[in-house]
Amino acid sequence: MVRVPVAALRTMTHRLRHAAHGARPHPAPKHADPKPTVSKPAVPEPAAPDVTARPRPWLRALGLTAVVLVGAWLGLLIVGNVRAPVGPMNTTMALRPSLTGGTKINISPLGALTLDSHVAPVRLDVNVDQLDPLRSQALVDHPERISGLQDEVVKDVEHDTLDLAVRSCVAVVAGATALGLAVYRSPRRALTAGGLALTLLAASGASAAATWNPKSILEPKFSGLLISAPQVVGNARSIVSDFDVYQKELARLVTNVTKLYDVTSTLPAYEPDPSTIRVLHVSDIHLNPASWKIIASLVEQYKVNVIVDSGDTMDHGIAAENGFLDPIRDLGVPYVWVRGNHDSLTTQRYLERMKNVHVLDDGRAQTVAGLRFAGIGDPQFTPDRSVVPGGDAAEQLAGDRLASALRDQKARHTPVDVAVAHEPAAARETDGEVPLVLCGHLHHEGDEKLPYGTRLRMEGSTGGSGLRAVEHTYPAPIEASILYFDRDSRRLQAWDAIKLGGLGETTAEVSRHLADDALHQRTHHGKPSATPTPATPSPASSTSSP
């Protein structure tokens, strides 16, 4: 057994304790080792790193800058928006970081206007959310208020900009302070970040005020569907002046629509009874938002049972336009639709998801509001410049397919009452297979009795040809028709052709026409006909706004 001296054991324990606490052991007492030892030269230990050393000043400044910028941006993004009315519109205004500044006005789904209004590291975003129904109706009911609309808009913008400035100050201070507190865990540094964010916003506001350019509204940059606006309407100055005229005329026209039903009630030759099926035929709306107000007024005034749209509701057929179709849900009646040459399959699929919409294609038949409809979409999509249009040959082929489907329906003893196509060239191919075929495309109203007995009713542009309204010297009118069907025979008895004056005109005109069956029925019972020949209009009645 090896004996360990007590003194040596104490020395070893002492050294272990000092090693655990990170200290060097003290040399053993001289009496602990009776033997003389040879001292070794001391080896210097490497110095431990100073974990409390502070980072370099530029790194601290860079980190603080990042905290200020990110915190301010998050604050603006989360709580920096202001919802505010501007004239008849509900808007959302916000400040966003930007390298070039300026103002961006988003008009969904048409696109955006960018204005070089100022130079600063912040951009003013204005999103036009929707028209306020009450304020818009007030303008319709009192068109004279439109003259003061410009001053009202200016006051609204000034007030809303002040609110936005206050909210933005609160947003950047709160965002930068909160992020600084999360990063540094120091109230002093967090407040410093908030103060720097407020200083940065104030400097940006001063830069924007110093470089403010009020003439930028006359030189907008367009994006989205609005890219074509300068080519269609003209330069920026004419856009402003034409739109001012256009909105005044539309307000007067919509006012006149409510008078149409009273006018038609005094027309001779035909008096629809309560059981009559009333169909509103519209076509070629071409993205005119005013059309929905007019259509809704006609539905209400005429107690319409079903709307038939013979296509070209859109202009480019892209997904960005789909939001334009949403008012169809609120019309309160079934909506029968066929694809036009400006409507894409994307448009068609969007409409197919609406509960009150009945999309007709490939000759498939549907019974809606007591009438059996069948139709076919236009085989050509002309906005797609990569595809060479097939012309009348393609339309006639589509019309042949529709005629074949109509013959199949008759063979099954489920004959179609009304066929619908967009192009007249396709509609004419159904002659002899259906009593009535509806179409559009040419932007003017027309009626034709085909050789084998089918009546072709062509509707004008219910959108006044959309943006094309200001292309020509004589603007296209807004046209629609009310078709009256006997519920038992499901045959057309009469129709009212409705025409509202286009840009620069303030007239509303309606004329009633008798179909052959109704004319024959009246003469058979010995009653005088109010029209000398079939499909001749009764004396037109018109109203002009003051």
Protein backbone atom coordinates (compact mmCIF):
# COMPACT_ATOMS: atom_id res chain seq x y z
CA MET A 1 0.00 0.00 0.00
CA VAL A 2 1.28 3.40 -1.03
CA ARG A 3 1.14 6.04 1.66
CA VAL A 4 0.35 9.61 0.63
CA PRO A 5 1.62 12.28 2.95
CA VAL A 6 -1.12 14.41 4.45
CA ALA A 7 0.62 17.59 3.36
CA ALA A 8 0.65 16.46 -0.28
CA LEU A 9 -3.10 15.60 -0.16
CA ARG A 10 -3.90 19.07 1.17
CA THR A 11 -1.88 20.66 -1.60
CA MET A 12 -3.75 18.71 -4.31
CA THR A 13 -7.19 19.63 -2.91
CA HIS A 14 -6.19 23.24 -2.72
CA ARG A 15 -5.14 23.24 -6.38
CA LEU A 16 -8.40 21.61 -7.57
CA ARG A 17 -10.50 24.20 -5.79
CA HIS A 18 -8.63 27.05 -7.43
CA ALA A 19 -8.93 25.39 -10.86
CA ALA A 20 -12.73 25.17 -10.46
CA HIS A 21 -12.88 28.90 -9.76
CA GLY A 22 -10.61 29.74 -12.66
CA ALA A 23 -7.66 30.81 -10.45
CA ARG A 24 -4.11 29.58 -10.54
CA PRO A 25 -3.13 27.41 -7.54
CA HIS A 26 -0.78 28.87 -4.95
CA PRO A 27 2.59 27.20 -4.62
CA ALA A 28 2.80 24.57 -1.93
CA PRO A 29 4.32 25.53 1.39
CA LYS A 30 7.96 24.88 1.73
CA HIS A 31 7.43 22.33 4.50
CA ALA A 32 5.06 20.23 2.31
CA ASP A 33 7.85 18.85 0.21
CA PRO A 34 11.04 18.08 2.17
CA LYS A 35 12.88 17.44 -1.02
CA PRO A 36 14.37 20.38 -2.84
CA THR A 37 12.78 21.04 -6.27
CA VAL A 38 14.17 22.67 -9.30
CA SER A 39 12.09 25.69 -10.24
CA LYS A 40 10.85 25.85 -13.84
CA PRO A 41 10.47 29.09 -15.76
CA ALA A 42 6.89 30.34 -15.62
CA VAL A 43 4.95 30.09 -18.94
CA PRO A 44 2.66 33.09 -19.42
CA GLU A 45 -0.97 32.06 -20.07
CA PRO A 46 -2.85 33.65 -22.97
CA ALA A 47 -5.03 36.58 -21.97
CA ALA A 48 -8.78 35.81 -21.91
CA PRO A 49 -10.90 37.79 -24.41
CA ASP A 50 -12.72 40.80 -23.04
CA VAL A 51 -16.35 39.83 -23.48
CA THR A 52 -17.51 43.25 -22.36
CA ALA A 53 -15.78 45.07 -25.25
CA ARG A 54 -18.17 47.40 -27.10
CA PRO A 55 -18.79 47.11 -30.87
CA ARG A 56 -17.38 49.67 -33.22
CA PRO A 57 -19.29 53.00 -33.47
CA TRP A 58 -20.23 52.58 -37.14
CA LEU A 59 -21.77 49.18 -36.43
CA ARG A 60 -23.85 50.68 -33.65
CA ALA A 61 -25.01 53.49 -35.96
CA LEU A 62 -25.85 51.02 -38.74
CA GLY A 63 -27.88 48.85 -36.38
CA LEU A 64 -29.78 51.84 -34.99
CA THR A 65 -30.53 53.05 -38.53
CA ALA A 66 -31.90 49.65 -39.46
CA VAL A 67 -34.10 49.60 -36.36
CA VAL A 68 -35.42 53.09 -37.12
CA LEU A 69 -36.20 52.37 -40.79
CA VAL A 70 -37.74 48.92 -40.25
CA GLY A 71 -39.74 50.06 -37.23
CA ALA A 72 -41.07 53.14 -39.02
CA TRP A 73 -42.03 51.06 -42.07
CA LEU A 74 -43.86 48.49 -39.92
CA GLY A 75 -45.69 51.26 -38.10
CA LEU A 76 -46.87 52.84 -41.37
CA LEU A 77 -47.87 49.46 -42.72
CA ILE A 78 -49.90 48.40 -39.69
CA VAL A 79 -51.52 51.57 -38.35
CA GLY A 80 -50.60 54.28 -40.87
CA ASN A 81 -53.67 53.95 -43.14
CA VAL A 82 -56.46 56.51 -43.15
CA ARG A 83 -59.89 55.64 -44.58
CA ALA A 84 -61.43 58.85 -45.79
CA PRO A 85 -64.25 60.05 -48.06
CA VAL A 86 -63.20 62.14 -51.05
CA GLY A 87 -66.27 63.48 -52.85
CA PRO A 88 -68.56 60.52 -53.65
CA MET A 89 -65.70 58.02 -53.21
CA ASN A 90 -64.40 56.07 -50.24
CA THR A 91 -60.61 55.99 -50.29
CA THR A 92 -57.70 54.62 -48.27
CA MET A 93 -54.66 56.92 -47.97
CA ALA A 94 -51.23 55.88 -46.72
CA LEU A 95 -47.56 56.87 -46.80
CA ARG A 96 -45.06 54.30 -48.04
CA PRO A 97 -41.24 54.33 -48.24
CA SER A 98 -39.99 55.22 -51.71
CA LEU A 99 -36.76 56.24 -53.40
CA THR A 100 -38.46 58.66 -55.79
CA GLY A 101 -41.53 59.92 -53.93
CA GLY A 102 -44.59 60.93 -55.94
CA THR A 103 -48.26 59.96 -55.65
CA LYS A 104 -49.88 56.71 -56.79
CA ILE A 105 -53.66 56.53 -57.29
CA ASN A 106 -54.91 52.96 -57.54
CA ILE A 107 -58.23 52.57 -59.38
CA SER A 108 -59.08 48.88 -59.20
CA PRO A 109 -59.57 47.03 -61.53
CA LEU A 110 -58.58 49.51 -64.23
CA GLY A 111 -55.03 50.19 -63.10
CA ALA A 112 -53.19 53.12 -61.55
CA LEU A 113 -52.08 56.71 -62.15
CA THR A 114 -48.64 57.80 -60.98
CA LEU A 115 -47.98 61.51 -60.44
CA ASP A 116 -44.56 63.18 -59.99
CA SER A 117 -46.05 65.31 -57.25
CA HIS A 118 -42.99 65.61 -54.98
CA VAL A 119 -39.46 64.36 -54.31
CA ALA A 120 -39.03 62.70 -50.92
CA PRO A 121 -38.28 59.26 -49.47
CA VAL A 122 -42.03 58.68 -48.98
CA ARG A 123 -44.82 58.10 -51.51
CA LEU A 124 -48.50 58.95 -51.06
CA ASP A 125 -50.75 55.99 -51.97
CA VAL A 126 -54.45 56.61 -52.58
CA ASN A 127 -56.65 53.55 -53.15
CA VAL A 128 -60.12 54.26 -54.55
CA ASP A 129 -62.15 51.59 -52.72
CA GLN A 130 -65.70 52.22 -53.91
CA LEU A 131 -68.37 54.80 -54.62
CA ASP A 132 -70.46 55.70 -51.60
CA PRO A 133 -74.09 54.80 -52.49
CA LEU A 134 -75.69 57.68 -50.57
CA ARG A 135 -73.36 60.41 -51.82
CA SER A 136 -73.51 59.07 -55.37
CA GLN A 137 -77.31 58.93 -55.30
CA ALA A 138 -77.38 62.51 -54.01
CA LEU A 139 -75.40 63.60 -57.08
CA VAL A 140 -77.80 61.70 -59.34
CA ASP A 141 -80.85 63.22 -57.66
CA HIS A 142 -79.33 66.72 -57.69
CA PRO A 143 -77.07 67.08 -60.75
CA GLU A 144 -76.56 70.77 -59.95
CA ARG A 145 -74.29 69.72 -57.06
CA ILE A 146 -71.69 68.43 -59.50
CA SER A 147 -70.61 72.00 -60.21
CA GLY A 148 -69.33 72.26 -56.62
CA LEU A 149 -67.82 68.80 -56.55
CA GLN A 150 -64.30 70.04 -57.34
CA ASP A 151 -64.20 72.36 -54.32
CA GLU A 152 -65.61 69.57 -52.13
CA VAL A 153 -62.89 67.17 -53.28
CA VAL A 154 -60.14 69.74 -52.58
CA LYS A 155 -61.43 70.32 -49.04
CA ASP A 156 -61.69 66.58 -48.40
CA VAL A 157 -58.13 65.98 -49.60
CA GLU A 158 -56.73 68.80 -47.42
CA HIS A 159 -58.53 67.51 -44.34
CA ASP A 160 -57.59 63.90 -44.99
CA THR A 161 -53.93 64.77 -45.62
CA LEU A 162 -53.76 66.45 -42.21
CA ASP A 163 -55.26 63.36 -40.56
CA LEU A 164 -52.80 61.18 -42.45
CA ALA A 165 -49.84 63.28 -41.29
CA VAL A 166 -50.86 62.99 -37.62
CA ARG A 167 -51.51 59.25 -37.85
CA SER A 168 -48.23 58.69 -39.71
CA CYS A 169 -46.27 60.50 -36.98
CA VAL A 170 -47.84 58.30 -34.33
CA ALA A 171 -47.25 55.21 -36.48
CA VAL A 172 -43.52 55.75 -37.10
CA VAL A 173 -42.80 56.68 -33.47
CA ALA A 174 -44.72 53.68 -32.15
CA GLY A 175 -43.17 51.27 -34.66
CA ALA A 176 -39.56 52.40 -34.17
CA THR A 177 -39.92 52.59 -30.36
CA ALA A 178 -41.46 49.12 -30.12
CA LEU A 179 -38.81 47.55 -32.34
CA GLY A 180 -36.02 49.39 -30.48
CA LEU A 181 -37.30 48.09 -27.16
CA ALA A 182 -37.44 44.54 -28.53
CA VAL A 183 -33.90 44.72 -29.92
CA TYR A 184 -32.01 46.70 -27.27
CA ARG A 185 -34.10 45.97 -24.15
CA SER A 186 -33.33 49.54 -23.17
CA PRO A 187 -36.01 52.24 -22.83
CA ARG A 188 -33.44 54.96 -23.48
CA ARG A 189 -32.37 53.46 -26.82
CA ALA A 190 -35.97 52.67 -27.76
CA LEU A 191 -36.98 56.30 -27.25
CA THR A 192 -33.95 57.37 -29.26
CA ALA A 193 -35.14 55.18 -32.16
CA GLY A 194 -38.64 56.68 -31.94
CA GLY A 195 -37.27 60.23 -31.93
CA LEU A 196 -35.08 59.55 -34.95
CA ALA A 197 -38.06 58.05 -36.83
CA LEU A 198 -40.13 61.17 -36.15
CA THR A 199 -37.25 63.39 -37.28
CA LEU A 200 -36.90 61.36 -40.49
CA LEU A 201 -40.63 61.68 -41.25
CA ALA A 202 -40.57 65.42 -40.54
CA ALA A 203 -37.60 65.86 -42.89
CA SER A 204 -39.43 63.85 -45.57
CA GLY A 205 -42.50 66.05 -45.15
CA ALA A 206 -40.41 69.19 -45.48
CA SER A 207 -38.79 67.82 -48.65
CA ALA A 208 -42.22 66.95 -50.10
CA ALA A 209 -43.56 70.43 -49.32
CA ALA A 210 -40.51 72.11 -50.84
CA THR A 211 -40.72 70.10 -54.08
CA TRP A 212 -44.53 69.94 -54.39
CA ASN A 213 -45.65 70.12 -58.04
CA PRO A 214 -49.40 70.92 -58.38
CA LYS A 215 -49.20 70.60 -62.19
CA SER A 216 -48.32 66.90 -61.95
CA ILE A 217 -52.02 66.01 -62.28
CA LEU A 218 -51.81 67.15 -65.91
CA GLU A 219 -48.96 64.74 -66.68
CA PRO A 220 -49.97 61.38 -65.18
CA LYS A 221 -48.34 58.06 -65.99
CA PHE A 222 -50.82 55.26 -66.64
CA SER A 223 -50.51 51.56 -65.84
CA GLY A 224 -52.79 48.54 -66.20
CA LEU A 225 -55.86 48.97 -68.38
CA LEU A 226 -55.52 52.75 -68.14
CA ILE A 227 -52.50 52.63 -70.45
CA SER A 228 -54.85 53.07 -73.42
CA ALA A 229 -56.59 56.11 -71.92
CA PRO A 230 -54.40 58.79 -73.56
CA GLN A 231 -54.83 57.18 -76.99
CA VAL A 232 -58.59 56.87 -76.58
CA VAL A 233 -59.43 60.17 -74.91
CA GLY A 234 -56.52 62.43 -75.80
CA ASN A 235 -53.92 64.27 -73.78
CA ALA A 236 -54.12 64.80 -70.04
CA ARG A 237 -55.85 68.15 -70.26
CA SER A 238 -58.62 66.80 -72.47
CA ILE A 239 -59.04 63.80 -70.16
CA VAL A 240 -59.78 66.13 -67.27
CA SER A 241 -62.17 68.33 -69.26
CA ASP A 242 -63.93 65.43 -71.05
CA PHE A 243 -64.45 63.49 -67.85
CA ASP A 244 -65.97 66.53 -66.20
CA VAL A 245 -68.45 66.82 -69.08
CA TYR A 246 -69.01 63.07 -69.17
CA GLN A 247 -69.90 62.76 -65.48
CA LYS A 248 -72.38 65.62 -65.77
CA GLU A 249 -74.09 64.04 -68.74
CA LEU A 250 -74.22 60.60 -67.12
CA ALA A 251 -75.83 62.04 -64.01
CA ARG A 252 -78.54 63.61 -66.15
CA LEU A 253 -79.01 60.45 -68.21
CA VAL A 254 -79.44 58.26 -65.16
CA THR A 255 -82.01 60.74 -63.87
CA ASN A 256 -83.90 60.42 -67.14
CA VAL A 257 -84.00 56.62 -66.90
CA THR A 258 -86.47 56.83 -64.04
CA LYS A 259 -88.88 58.67 -66.36
CA LEU A 260 -88.88 55.98 -69.04
CA TYR A 261 -91.43 53.70 -67.46
CA ASP A 262 -93.93 56.55 -67.16
CA VAL A 263 -93.39 57.37 -70.83
CA THR A 264 -93.95 53.82 -72.04
CA SER A 265 -97.14 53.49 -70.02
CA THR A 266 -98.75 56.03 -72.37
CA LEU A 267 -97.67 54.34 -75.61
CA PRO A 268 -100.46 52.76 -77.69
CA ALA A 269 -100.63 49.39 -79.50
CA TYR A 270 -99.70 46.99 -76.71
CA GLU A 271 -100.45 46.75 -73.01
CA PRO A 272 -98.48 44.04 -71.19
CA ASP A 273 -100.48 42.21 -68.53
CA PRO A 274 -99.02 41.13 -65.17
CA SER A 275 -98.27 37.60 -66.44
CA THR A 276 -96.09 38.87 -69.31
CA ILE A 277 -92.45 37.78 -69.17
CA ARG A 278 -90.24 40.84 -69.43
CA VAL A 279 -86.68 40.43 -70.73
CA LEU A 280 -84.08 43.19 -70.67
CA HIS A 281 -81.66 42.80 -73.61
CA VAL A 282 -78.26 44.50 -73.17
CA SER A 283 -75.03 44.17 -75.12
CA ASP A 284 -71.53 45.62 -75.65
CA ILE A 285 -71.18 47.28 -72.25
CA HIS A 286 -67.40 47.53 -72.75
CA LEU A 287 -66.47 48.28 -69.13
CA ASN A 288 -68.70 51.32 -68.70
CA PRO A 289 -69.48 51.36 -64.94
CA ALA A 290 -72.45 53.69 -65.49
CA SER A 291 -74.23 50.83 -67.30
CA TRP A 292 -74.92 48.95 -64.06
CA LYS A 293 -76.83 51.90 -62.60
CA ILE A 294 -78.88 52.22 -65.77
CA ILE A 295 -79.56 48.46 -65.93
CA ALA A 296 -80.61 48.40 -62.27
CA SER A 297 -83.02 51.30 -62.90
CA LEU A 298 -84.57 49.54 -65.89
CA VAL A 299 -84.95 46.29 -63.93
CA GLU A 300 -86.80 48.12 -61.18
CA GLN A 301 -88.96 50.35 -63.36
CA TYR A 302 -90.01 47.67 -65.85
CA LYS A 303 -90.28 44.79 -63.33
CA VAL A 304 -87.86 42.78 -65.47
CA ASN A 305 -87.84 38.97 -65.03
CA VAL A 306 -84.51 38.15 -66.70
CA ILE A 307 -81.58 40.02 -68.30
CA VAL A 308 -79.93 38.75 -71.51
CA ASP A 309 -76.41 40.03 -72.26
CA SER A 310 -75.20 39.21 -75.79
CA GLY A 311 -71.54 39.78 -75.02
CA ASP A 312 -68.60 42.20 -75.08
CA THR A 313 -69.19 43.07 -71.45
CA MET A 314 -65.42 43.50 -71.13
CA ASP A 315 -62.82 45.27 -73.25
CA HIS A 316 -59.59 43.25 -72.88
CA GLY A 317 -60.88 40.07 -71.24
CA ILE A 318 -58.08 39.91 -68.66
CA ALA A 319 -58.44 38.84 -65.03
CA ALA A 320 -57.87 42.41 -63.81
CA GLU A 321 -61.24 43.36 -65.31
CA ASN A 322 -63.21 40.69 -63.45
CA GLY A 323 -64.10 42.93 -60.53
CA PHE A 324 -66.13 45.05 -62.95
CA LEU A 325 -68.67 42.20 -63.14
CA ASP A 326 -69.43 42.07 -59.41
CA PRO A 327 -72.52 44.39 -59.57
CA ILE A 328 -74.30 41.64 -61.53
CA ARG A 329 -74.80 39.81 -58.22
CA ASP A 330 -76.88 42.70 -56.88
CA LEU A 331 -79.28 43.13 -59.83
CA GLY A 332 -81.80 40.80 -58.21
CA VAL A 333 -82.79 38.87 -61.36
CA PRO A 334 -81.26 36.02 -63.45
CA TYR A 335 -78.54 37.12 -65.86
CA VAL A 336 -78.18 35.13 -69.13
CA TRP A 337 -74.81 35.75 -70.82
CA VAL A 338 -72.86 34.70 -73.91
CA ARG A 339 -69.21 35.42 -74.61
CA GLY A 340 -68.34 38.23 -77.06
CA ASN A 341 -65.15 38.71 -79.02
CA HIS A 342 -63.81 40.97 -76.22
CA ASP A 343 -64.71 38.45 -73.49
CA SER A 344 -62.22 35.70 -72.68
CA LEU A 345 -62.67 32.27 -71.16
CA THR A 346 -61.25 33.82 -67.98
CA THR A 347 -64.22 36.18 -67.99
CA GLN A 348 -66.60 33.28 -68.65
CA ARG A 349 -65.25 31.17 -65.77
CA TYR A 350 -65.59 34.15 -63.40
CA LEU A 351 -69.24 34.61 -64.33
CA GLU A 352 -69.98 30.90 -64.05
CA ARG A 353 -69.24 31.13 -60.32
CA MET A 354 -72.06 33.67 -59.77
CA LYS A 355 -75.31 32.13 -58.58
CA ASN A 356 -77.66 34.31 -60.64
CA VAL A 357 -75.66 34.04 -63.90
CA HIS A 358 -76.50 31.49 -66.63
CA VAL A 359 -73.64 31.22 -69.11
CA LEU A 360 -74.71 29.88 -72.52
CA ASP A 361 -72.14 28.13 -74.72
CA ASP A 362 -71.85 25.29 -77.24
CA GLY A 363 -75.63 25.35 -77.85
CA ARG A 364 -76.54 24.10 -74.38
CA ALA A 365 -80.10 25.08 -73.42
CA GLN A 366 -81.36 26.37 -70.07
CA THR A 367 -84.84 27.34 -68.90
CA VAL A 368 -84.76 30.67 -67.08
CA ALA A 369 -87.80 32.70 -65.89
CA GLY A 370 -90.18 30.58 -67.98
CA LEU A 371 -88.25 30.86 -71.27
CA ARG A 372 -85.87 28.33 -72.82
CA PHE A 373 -82.58 29.89 -73.95
CA ALA A 374 -79.65 28.44 -75.91
CA GLY A 375 -76.53 30.21 -77.08
CA ILE A 376 -72.91 29.97 -78.12
CA GLY A 377 -69.87 32.07 -77.22
CA ASP A 378 -68.02 34.00 -79.88
CA PRO A 379 -65.32 31.72 -81.38
CA GLN A 380 -62.90 34.65 -81.77
CA PHE A 381 -61.07 36.60 -79.07
CA THR A 382 -59.81 39.66 -80.90
CA PRO A 383 -57.75 41.33 -78.10
CA ASP A 384 -55.33 38.39 -78.45
CA ARG A 385 -53.14 39.76 -81.25
CA SER A 386 -51.19 36.47 -81.45
CA VAL A 387 -54.20 34.75 -83.04
CA VAL A 388 -55.28 35.61 -86.58
CA PRO A 389 -59.07 36.28 -86.56
CA GLY A 390 -61.14 33.80 -88.55
CA GLY A 391 -63.58 36.41 -89.81
CA ASP A 392 -67.14 35.59 -90.90
CA ALA A 393 -66.19 32.00 -91.73
CA ALA A 394 -65.47 31.27 -88.05
CA GLU A 395 -68.69 33.02 -87.01
CA GLN A 396 -70.79 31.07 -89.52
CA LEU A 397 -69.27 27.80 -88.32
CA ALA A 398 -70.21 28.69 -84.74
CA GLY A 399 -73.72 29.59 -85.97
CA ASP A 400 -73.99 26.18 -87.65
CA ARG A 401 -73.10 24.49 -84.36
CA LEU A 402 -75.80 26.51 -82.58
CA ALA A 403 -78.37 25.66 -85.26
CA SER A 404 -77.53 21.95 -84.94
CA ALA A 405 -78.05 22.14 -81.18
CA LEU A 406 -81.41 23.86 -81.73
CA ARG A 407 -82.52 21.06 -84.06
CA ASP A 408 -81.52 18.50 -81.42
CA GLN A 409 -83.66 20.33 -78.86
CA LYS A 410 -86.68 20.24 -81.16
CA ALA A 411 -86.15 16.51 -81.74
CA ARG A 412 -86.28 16.00 -77.96
CA HIS A 413 -89.55 17.98 -77.79
CA THR A 414 -87.86 20.73 -75.76
CA PRO A 415 -87.73 23.53 -78.33
CA VAL A 416 -85.76 26.68 -77.60
CA ASP A 417 -87.64 29.98 -77.40
CA VAL A 418 -84.70 32.39 -77.68
CA ALA A 419 -81.23 31.82 -79.16
CA VAL A 420 -78.34 34.15 -78.26
CA ALA A 421 -75.07 34.83 -80.12
CA HIS A 422 -72.75 37.83 -80.19
CA GLU A 423 -72.08 38.27 -83.91
CA PRO A 424 -74.99 38.79 -86.36
CA ALA A 425 -73.14 36.51 -88.82
CA ALA A 426 -73.47 33.63 -86.36
CA ALA A 427 -77.04 34.55 -85.38
CA ARG A 428 -78.28 34.39 -89.00
CA GLU A 429 -77.31 30.72 -89.23
CA THR A 430 -80.14 29.86 -86.83
CA ASP A 431 -82.83 30.96 -89.29
CA GLY A 432 -85.77 28.55 -89.24
CA GLU A 433 -84.65 26.77 -86.06
CA VAL A 434 -85.88 29.24 -83.42
CA PRO A 435 -88.53 32.01 -83.27
CA LEU A 436 -86.13 34.69 -82.01
CA VAL A 437 -82.35 35.15 -81.96
CA LEU A 438 -80.59 37.98 -80.08
CA CYS A 439 -77.16 39.44 -80.89
CA GLY A 440 -75.06 42.61 -80.64
CA HIS A 441 -71.51 43.48 -81.76
CA LEU A 442 -72.22 46.30 -84.24
CA HIS A 443 -73.05 48.90 -81.57
CA HIS A 444 -76.37 49.92 -83.09
CA GLU A 445 -79.93 48.63 -82.72
CA GLY A 446 -81.58 46.67 -85.51
CA ASP A 447 -84.42 44.29 -86.29
CA GLU A 448 -84.62 41.84 -89.20
CA LYS A 449 -87.04 39.11 -90.25
CA LEU A 450 -84.90 36.32 -91.76
CA PRO A 451 -86.07 34.36 -94.87
CA TYR A 452 -87.21 31.26 -92.94
CA GLY A 453 -89.18 33.11 -90.28
CA THR A 454 -86.70 33.74 -87.46
CA ARG A 455 -86.65 37.28 -86.09
CA LEU A 456 -83.15 38.69 -85.47
CA ARG A 457 -82.97 41.40 -82.80
CA MET A 458 -79.64 43.23 -82.65
CA GLU A 459 -78.93 45.43 -79.63
CA GLY A 460 -76.80 48.57 -79.59
CA SER A 461 -74.12 49.35 -77.01
CA THR A 462 -75.56 49.52 -73.50
CA GLY A 463 -72.23 51.03 -72.46
CA GLY A 464 -72.30 53.73 -75.11
CA SER A 465 -69.31 51.82 -76.56
CA GLY A 466 -67.36 52.29 -73.31
CA LEU A 467 -64.16 54.33 -73.73
CA ARG A 468 -64.98 54.62 -77.42
CA ALA A 469 -67.69 57.13 -76.48
CA VAL A 470 -65.30 60.02 -77.09
CA GLU A 471 -63.59 58.62 -80.19
CA HIS A 472 -65.99 59.96 -82.80
CA THR A 473 -67.61 63.28 -83.58
CA TYR A 474 -71.05 61.83 -82.80
CA PRO A 475 -70.95 59.80 -79.58
CA ALA A 476 -72.58 56.39 -79.44
CA PRO A 477 -75.86 56.36 -77.49
CA ILE A 478 -76.61 54.00 -74.61
CA GLU A 479 -79.14 51.46 -75.90
CA ALA A 480 -81.18 48.62 -74.42
CA SER A 481 -84.51 46.90 -75.09
CA ILE A 482 -87.38 45.53 -73.04
CA LEU A 483 -88.84 42.42 -74.72
CA TYR A 484 -92.38 41.30 -73.83
CA PHE A 485 -93.17 37.55 -74.10
CA ASP A 486 -96.53 35.84 -73.74
CA ARG A 487 -96.20 33.37 -70.86
CA ASP A 488 -98.35 30.69 -72.51
CA SER A 489 -96.99 30.72 -76.06
CA ARG A 490 -93.54 32.02 -75.04
CA ARG A 491 -93.52 34.16 -78.20
CA LEU A 492 -92.34 37.75 -78.52
CA GLN A 493 -95.31 40.16 -78.47
CA ALA A 494 -93.64 43.57 -78.47
CA TRP A 495 -90.50 45.41 -77.45
CA ASP A 496 -89.50 48.86 -76.26
CA ALA A 497 -86.33 50.26 -77.79
CA ILE A 498 -84.64 52.55 -75.25
CA LYS A 499 -82.01 55.07 -76.25
CA LEU A 500 -80.16 57.46 -73.97
CA GLY A 501 -78.08 60.27 -75.47
CA GLY A 502 -74.31 59.79 -75.41
CA LEU A 503 -71.58 62.22 -74.42
CA GLY A 504 -72.75 65.80 -74.92
CA GLU A 505 -76.43 64.80 -75.27
CA THR A 506 -79.08 64.71 -72.56
CA THR A 507 -82.03 62.94 -74.18
CA ALA A 508 -83.90 59.79 -73.24
CA GLU A 509 -86.08 58.19 -75.92
CA VAL A 510 -88.25 55.10 -76.00
CA SER A 511 -90.31 53.66 -78.86
CA ARG A 512 -92.63 50.64 -78.81
CA HIS A 513 -92.75 48.03 -81.57
CA LEU A 514 -95.21 45.22 -82.21
CA ALA A 515 -94.14 41.74 -83.27
CA ASP A 516 -96.00 39.87 -86.03
CA ASP A 517 -97.95 37.61 -83.67
CA ALA A 518 -99.26 40.49 -81.59
CA LEU A 519 -100.20 42.47 -84.68
CA HIS A 520 -102.05 39.50 -86.17
CA GLN A 521 -103.87 38.88 -82.89
CA ARG A 522 -105.08 42.49 -82.71
CA THR A 523 -106.32 42.61 -86.33
CA HIS A 524 -107.97 39.19 -85.96
CA HIS A 525 -110.13 40.52 -83.11
CA GLY A 526 -111.17 43.50 -85.20
CA LYS A 527 -109.11 46.04 -83.29
CA PRO A 528 -107.26 48.66 -85.26
CA SER A 529 -103.52 48.38 -85.39
CA ALA A 530 -101.58 51.29 -84.07
CA THR A 531 -98.74 50.59 -86.49
CA PRO A 532 -99.10 50.42 -90.28
CA THR A 533 -96.65 47.51 -90.73
CA PRO A 534 -95.06 44.87 -88.51
CA ALA A 535 -92.12 46.03 -86.43
CA THR A 536 -92.85 49.67 -87.18
CA PRO A 537 -92.29 51.85 -84.14
CA SER A 538 -95.10 53.70 -82.52
CA PRO A 539 -94.65 57.46 -82.29
CA ALA A 540 -91.46 57.91 -80.33
CA SER A 541 -91.67 59.64 -77.01
CA SER A 542 -88.69 61.40 -75.61
CA THR A 543 -87.76 63.48 -72.65
CA SER A 544 -84.98 66.00 -72.35
CA SER A 545 -83.42 67.03 -69.13
CA PRO A 546 -83.50 70.73 -68.33
